[in-house]
Amino acid sequence: MLVNNASASNLLLWPKPQVKDLKFIHKNLKSLGINKLTSIGCGTGLLEWLLTAVTGIQVISIEVDKIYWSTKSRRYNFCELTFPDNEHFNECVTFPKYALLFCYFNNGKAFLEYLANYKGNVLIIIGPNVIGKYTNPMPYDSNIPSNWKLYNQRVMYGNDVIAIYLKVK
């Protein structure tokens, strides 16, 4: 567990999931017939590694800035990262049998582009539910397209939220 006084630049993981939070994601995905997900903007990949270690969910971890994540000065990487120059990149972000995960994502325009190209129907957004923290999208963002409906939600330690959406036709 990270100490409460840790500066944001020293955090390995923004949300602080407990095992029950990871199992909440797994239980919901399992009930929807999904056991894989693609995480967009995964950062260090620690959340993705934890999800796999605790639940067995297969995760593809996507990052865009290959130069940053490939240099010696980068933060830790806990999983293999997939970058846009990977020949299977476009498939990875559109797989219909995978849930799409955004955790503390911060690019609303890119988020909407990923959703427009995504062929599946399960979206997970993890982010803050408190004043003073901001992501784009927020877990309950009004900019989430209207064909996505909230399926389930969970408040985590630190008042972060796991919001699971389903695409309706």
C-alpha atoms as a PDB file:
ATOM      1  CA  MET A   1       0.000   0.000   0.000  1.00  0.00           C
ATOM      2  CA  LEU A   2       1.317   3.421  -0.844  1.00  0.00           C
ATOM      3  CA  VAL A   3       1.652   5.935   1.946  1.00  0.00           C
ATOM      4  CA  ASN A   4      -0.911   8.722   2.004  1.00  0.00           C
ATOM      5  CA  ASN A   5       1.750  11.434   1.778  1.00  0.00           C
ATOM      6  CA  ALA A   6       3.276  10.131  -1.437  1.00  0.00           C
ATOM      7  CA  SER A   7       3.551  12.802  -4.087  1.00  0.00           C
ATOM      8  CA  ALA A   8       1.708  12.154  -7.329  1.00  0.00           C
ATOM      9  CA  SER A   9       4.995  11.873  -9.214  1.00  0.00           C
ATOM     10  CA  ASN A  10       6.094   8.994  -6.974  1.00  0.00           C
ATOM     11  CA  LEU A  11       2.926   6.955  -7.276  1.00  0.00           C
ATOM     12  CA  LEU A  12       3.183   3.675  -9.134  1.00  0.00           C
ATOM     13  CA  LEU A  13      -0.590   3.455  -9.304  1.00  0.00           C
ATOM     14  CA  TRP A  14      -3.192   6.221  -9.028  1.00  0.00           C
ATOM     15  CA  PRO A  15      -6.105   4.162  -7.706  1.00  0.00           C
ATOM     16  CA  LYS A  16      -5.440   1.965  -4.709  1.00  0.00           C
ATOM     17  CA  PRO A  17      -7.371  -1.220  -5.495  1.00  0.00           C
ATOM     18  CA  GLN A  18      -7.964  -3.857  -2.887  1.00  0.00           C
ATOM     19  CA  VAL A  19      -8.372  -7.517  -3.837  1.00  0.00           C
ATOM     20  CA  LYS A  20     -12.157  -7.113  -3.545  1.00  0.00           C
ATOM     21  CA  ASP A  21     -12.032  -4.331  -6.172  1.00  0.00           C
ATOM     22  CA  LEU A  22     -10.117  -6.522  -8.614  1.00  0.00           C
ATOM     23  CA  LYS A  23     -12.554  -9.361  -7.958  1.00  0.00           C
ATOM     24  CA  PHE A  24     -15.460  -6.952  -8.573  1.00  0.00           C
ATOM     25  CA  ILE A  25     -14.096  -6.294 -12.074  1.00  0.00           C
ATOM     26  CA  HIS A  26     -13.573 -10.012 -12.669  1.00  0.00           C
ATOM     27  CA  LYS A  27     -17.043 -10.978 -11.411  1.00  0.00           C
ATOM     28  CA  ASN A  28     -18.730  -8.418 -13.656  1.00  0.00           C
ATOM     29  CA  LEU A  29     -16.704  -9.349 -16.724  1.00  0.00           C
ATOM     30  CA  LYS A  30     -17.358 -13.031 -16.089  1.00  0.00           C
ATOM     31  CA  SER A  31     -21.112 -12.404 -15.832  1.00  0.00           C
ATOM     32  CA  LEU A  32     -20.875 -10.659 -19.225  1.00  0.00           C
ATOM     33  CA  GLY A  33     -18.935 -13.555 -20.770  1.00  0.00           C
ATOM     34  CA  ILE A  34     -15.623 -11.691 -20.987  1.00  0.00           C
ATOM     35  CA  ASN A  35     -12.287 -12.701 -19.472  1.00  0.00           C
ATOM     36  CA  LYS A  36      -9.959 -10.350 -21.355  1.00  0.00           C
ATOM     37  CA  LEU A  37      -9.481  -6.613 -21.522  1.00  0.00           C
ATOM     38  CA  THR A  38      -7.481  -3.958 -23.302  1.00  0.00           C
ATOM     39  CA  SER A  39      -6.172  -1.185 -21.069  1.00  0.00           C
ATOM     40  CA  ILE A  40      -5.634   2.117 -22.851  1.00  0.00           C
ATOM     41  CA  GLY A  41      -2.992   4.405 -21.345  1.00  0.00           C
ATOM     42  CA  CYS A  42      -1.887   1.806 -18.825  1.00  0.00           C
ATOM     43  CA  GLY A  43       1.190   3.669 -17.579  1.00  0.00           C
ATOM     44  CA  THR A  44       3.392   1.340 -15.551  1.00  0.00           C
ATOM     45  CA  GLY A  45       0.952  -1.547 -16.040  1.00  0.00           C
ATOM     46  CA  LEU A  46       0.753  -2.248 -12.312  1.00  0.00           C
ATOM     47  CA  LEU A  47      -3.055  -2.303 -12.245  1.00  0.00           C
ATOM     48  CA  GLU A  48      -3.074  -4.626 -15.241  1.00  0.00           C
ATOM     49  CA  TRP A  49      -0.506  -6.905 -13.618  1.00  0.00           C
ATOM     50  CA  LEU A  50      -2.571  -6.984 -10.400  1.00  0.00           C
ATOM     51  CA  LEU A  51      -5.735  -7.835 -12.337  1.00  0.00           C
ATOM     52  CA  THR A  52      -4.007 -10.745 -14.036  1.00  0.00           C
ATOM     53  CA  ALA A  53      -2.266 -11.963 -10.870  1.00  0.00           C
ATOM     54  CA  VAL A  54      -5.404 -11.866  -8.706  1.00  0.00           C
ATOM     55  CA  THR A  55      -8.110 -12.863 -11.198  1.00  0.00           C
ATOM     56  CA  GLY A  56      -6.445 -14.443 -14.224  1.00  0.00           C
ATOM     57  CA  ILE A  57      -7.917 -11.838 -16.580  1.00  0.00           C
ATOM     58  CA  GLN A  58      -5.782 -11.566 -19.722  1.00  0.00           C
ATOM     59  CA  VAL A  59      -4.818  -7.933 -20.319  1.00  0.00           C
ATOM     60  CA  ILE A  60      -3.335  -6.150 -23.317  1.00  0.00           C
ATOM     61  CA  SER A  61      -1.621  -2.990 -22.056  1.00  0.00           C
ATOM     62  CA  ILE A  62      -1.553  -0.056 -24.475  1.00  0.00           C
ATOM     63  CA  GLU A  63       0.704   2.991 -24.290  1.00  0.00           C
ATOM     64  CA  VAL A  64       1.289   5.540 -27.036  1.00  0.00           C
ATOM     65  CA  ASP A  65       4.615   7.188 -26.119  1.00  0.00           C
ATOM     66  CA  LYS A  66       7.123   4.427 -26.905  1.00  0.00           C
ATOM     67  CA  ILE A  67      10.127   6.717 -26.480  1.00  0.00           C
ATOM     68  CA  TYR A  68       9.152   7.641 -22.909  1.00  0.00           C
ATOM     69  CA  TRP A  69       8.295   4.086 -21.837  1.00  0.00           C
ATOM     70  CA  SER A  70      11.430   2.651 -23.455  1.00  0.00           C
ATOM     71  CA  THR A  71      14.049   4.951 -21.891  1.00  0.00           C
ATOM     72  CA  LYS A  72      16.129   4.224 -18.824  1.00  0.00           C
ATOM     73  CA  SER A  73      14.574   7.194 -16.997  1.00  0.00           C
ATOM     74  CA  ARG A  74      11.070   5.720 -17.293  1.00  0.00           C
ATOM     75  CA  ARG A  75       9.130   4.485 -14.330  1.00  0.00           C
ATOM     76  CA  TYR A  76       8.789   0.783 -13.679  1.00  0.00           C
ATOM     77  CA  ASN A  77       6.951  -1.388 -16.204  1.00  0.00           C
ATOM     78  CA  PHE A  78       5.035  -4.263 -14.644  1.00  0.00           C
ATOM     79  CA  CYS A  79       3.828  -5.788 -17.892  1.00  0.00           C
ATOM     80  CA  GLU A  80       4.611  -5.885 -21.583  1.00  0.00           C
ATOM     81  CA  LEU A  81       3.421  -2.732 -23.302  1.00  0.00           C
ATOM     82  CA  THR A  82       1.904  -2.547 -26.788  1.00  0.00           C
ATOM     83  CA  PHE A  83       2.678   0.565 -28.838  1.00  0.00           C
ATOM     84  CA  PRO A  84       1.156   1.988 -32.068  1.00  0.00           C
ATOM     85  CA  ASP A  85       4.053   0.627 -34.134  1.00  0.00           C
ATOM     86  CA  ASN A  86       3.077  -2.943 -33.155  1.00  0.00           C
ATOM     87  CA  GLU A  87       1.606  -4.657 -36.224  1.00  0.00           C
ATOM     88  CA  HIS A  88      -1.415  -5.790 -34.155  1.00  0.00           C
ATOM     89  CA  PHE A  89      -2.056  -2.430 -32.439  1.00  0.00           C
ATOM     90  CA  ASN A  90      -5.297  -1.620 -34.276  1.00  0.00           C
ATOM     91  CA  GLU A  91      -6.657  -5.096 -33.563  1.00  0.00           C
ATOM     92  CA  CYS A  92      -5.735  -4.775 -29.868  1.00  0.00           C
ATOM     93  CA  VAL A  93      -7.829  -1.647 -29.394  1.00  0.00           C
ATOM     94  CA  THR A  94     -10.853  -2.944 -31.304  1.00  0.00           C
ATOM     95  CA  PHE A  95     -11.168  -6.601 -30.146  1.00  0.00           C
ATOM     96  CA  PRO A  96     -14.902  -7.240 -29.648  1.00  0.00           C
ATOM     97  CA  LYS A  97     -14.341 -10.024 -27.087  1.00  0.00           C
ATOM     98  CA  TYR A  98     -12.284  -7.742 -24.819  1.00  0.00           C
ATOM     99  CA  ALA A  99     -13.516  -5.130 -22.366  1.00  0.00           C
ATOM    100  CA  LEU A 100     -11.975  -1.690 -22.877  1.00  0.00           C
ATOM    101  CA  LEU A 101     -10.385  -0.140 -19.735  1.00  0.00           C
ATOM    102  CA  PHE A 102      -9.463   3.493 -19.112  1.00  0.00           C
ATOM    103  CA  CYS A 103      -7.872   4.164 -15.725  1.00  0.00           C
ATOM    104  CA  TYR A 104      -7.098   7.772 -14.867  1.00  0.00           C
ATOM    105  CA  PHE A 105      -7.119   8.527 -18.579  1.00  0.00           C
ATOM    106  CA  ASN A 106      -6.777  12.180 -19.479  1.00  0.00           C
ATOM    107  CA  ASN A 107      -7.562  12.755 -23.131  1.00  0.00           C
ATOM    108  CA  GLY A 108     -11.269  13.099 -23.860  1.00  0.00           C
ATOM    109  CA  LYS A 109     -10.818  13.397 -27.612  1.00  0.00           C
ATOM    110  CA  ALA A 110      -8.696  10.218 -27.806  1.00  0.00           C
ATOM    111  CA  PHE A 111     -11.171   8.434 -25.502  1.00  0.00           C
ATOM    112  CA  LEU A 112     -14.031   9.156 -27.906  1.00  0.00           C
ATOM    113  CA  GLU A 113     -11.908   8.009 -30.869  1.00  0.00           C
ATOM    114  CA  TYR A 114     -11.111   4.710 -29.129  1.00  0.00           C
ATOM    115  CA  LEU A 115     -14.823   4.193 -28.378  1.00  0.00           C
ATOM    116  CA  ALA A 116     -15.783   4.957 -31.973  1.00  0.00           C
ATOM    117  CA  ASN A 117     -13.422   2.234 -33.234  1.00  0.00           C
ATOM    118  CA  TYR A 118     -14.072  -0.333 -30.499  1.00  0.00           C
ATOM    119  CA  LYS A 119     -16.123  -3.323 -31.690  1.00  0.00           C
ATOM    120  CA  GLY A 120     -17.022  -4.663 -28.232  1.00  0.00           C
ATOM    121  CA  ASN A 121     -19.676  -3.652 -25.746  1.00  0.00           C
ATOM    122  CA  VAL A 122     -18.014  -3.444 -22.296  1.00  0.00           C
ATOM    123  CA  LEU A 123     -16.274  -0.291 -21.078  1.00  0.00           C
ATOM    124  CA  ILE A 124     -14.593   0.193 -17.700  1.00  0.00           C
ATOM    125  CA  ILE A 125     -13.594   3.620 -16.434  1.00  0.00           C
ATOM    126  CA  ILE A 126     -11.613   3.964 -13.214  1.00  0.00           C
ATOM    127  CA  GLY A 127     -11.100   7.433 -11.856  1.00  0.00           C
ATOM    128  CA  PRO A 128     -11.758   9.890  -9.083  1.00  0.00           C
ATOM    129  CA  ASN A 129     -15.058  10.581  -7.412  1.00  0.00           C
ATOM    130  CA  VAL A 130     -13.765  13.484  -5.369  1.00  0.00           C
ATOM    131  CA  ILE A 131     -13.329  17.214  -5.825  1.00  0.00           C
ATOM    132  CA  GLY A 132      -9.780  18.209  -6.631  1.00  0.00           C
ATOM    133  CA  LYS A 133      -8.946  15.257  -8.877  1.00  0.00           C
ATOM    134  CA  TYR A 134      -9.680  15.282 -12.567  1.00  0.00           C
ATOM    135  CA  THR A 135      -9.545  12.825 -15.438  1.00  0.00           C
ATOM    136  CA  ASN A 136     -11.070  12.885 -18.880  1.00  0.00           C
ATOM    137  CA  PRO A 137     -13.326  11.012 -18.943  1.00  0.00           C
ATOM    138  CA  MET A 138     -14.516  10.980 -15.360  1.00  0.00           C
ATOM    139  CA  PRO A 139     -16.252   7.729 -14.295  1.00  0.00           C
ATOM    140  CA  TYR A 140     -19.708   9.335 -14.615  1.00  0.00           C
ATOM    141  CA  ASP A 141     -18.852  11.774 -17.394  1.00  0.00           C
ATOM    142  CA  SER A 142     -21.738  13.370 -19.283  1.00  0.00           C
ATOM    143  CA  ASN A 143     -19.577  13.195 -22.437  1.00  0.00           C
ATOM    144  CA  ILE A 144     -19.755   9.399 -22.545  1.00  0.00           C
ATOM    145  CA  PRO A 145     -21.825   8.676 -25.658  1.00  0.00           C
ATOM    146  CA  SER A 146     -25.510   7.979 -24.984  1.00  0.00           C
ATOM    147  CA  ASN A 147     -25.295   4.437 -26.400  1.00  0.00           C
ATOM    148  CA  TRP A 148     -23.234   3.493 -23.291  1.00  0.00           C
ATOM    149  CA  LYS A 149     -25.255   2.818 -20.120  1.00  0.00           C
ATOM    150  CA  LEU A 150     -23.912   2.335 -16.615  1.00  0.00           C
ATOM    151  CA  TYR A 151     -24.056  -1.379 -15.780  1.00  0.00           C
ATOM    152  CA  ASN A 152     -22.392  -1.497 -12.357  1.00  0.00           C
ATOM    153  CA  GLN A 153     -20.160   0.607 -10.141  1.00  0.00           C
ATOM    154  CA  ARG A 154     -18.021   0.388  -7.050  1.00  0.00           C
ATOM    155  CA  VAL A 155     -16.402   3.003  -4.843  1.00  0.00           C
ATOM    156  CA  MET A 156     -12.841   2.046  -3.959  1.00  0.00           C
ATOM    157  CA  TYR A 157     -10.489   3.059  -1.185  1.00  0.00           C
ATOM    158  CA  GLY A 158      -9.579   6.715  -1.596  1.00  0.00           C
ATOM    159  CA  ASN A 159     -12.970   7.461  -3.149  1.00  0.00           C
ATOM    160  CA  ASP A 160     -11.985   6.287  -6.616  1.00  0.00           C
ATOM    161  CA  VAL A 161     -14.706   4.646  -8.692  1.00  0.00           C
ATOM    162  CA  ILE A 162     -14.890   1.641 -10.970  1.00  0.00           C
ATOM    163  CA  ALA A 163     -17.687   2.329 -13.469  1.00  0.00           C
ATOM    164  CA  ILE A 164     -18.664  -0.460 -15.863  1.00  0.00           C
ATOM    165  CA  TYR A 165     -20.695   0.471 -18.934  1.00  0.00           C
ATOM    166  CA  LEU A 166     -22.459  -1.599 -21.566  1.00  0.00           C
ATOM    167  CA  LYS A 167     -23.090  -0.497 -25.130  1.00  0.00           C
ATOM    168  CA  VAL A 168     -26.780  -0.584 -25.959  1.00  0.00           C
ATOM    169  CA  LYS A 169     -28.108  -0.882 -29.470  1.00  0.00           C
END
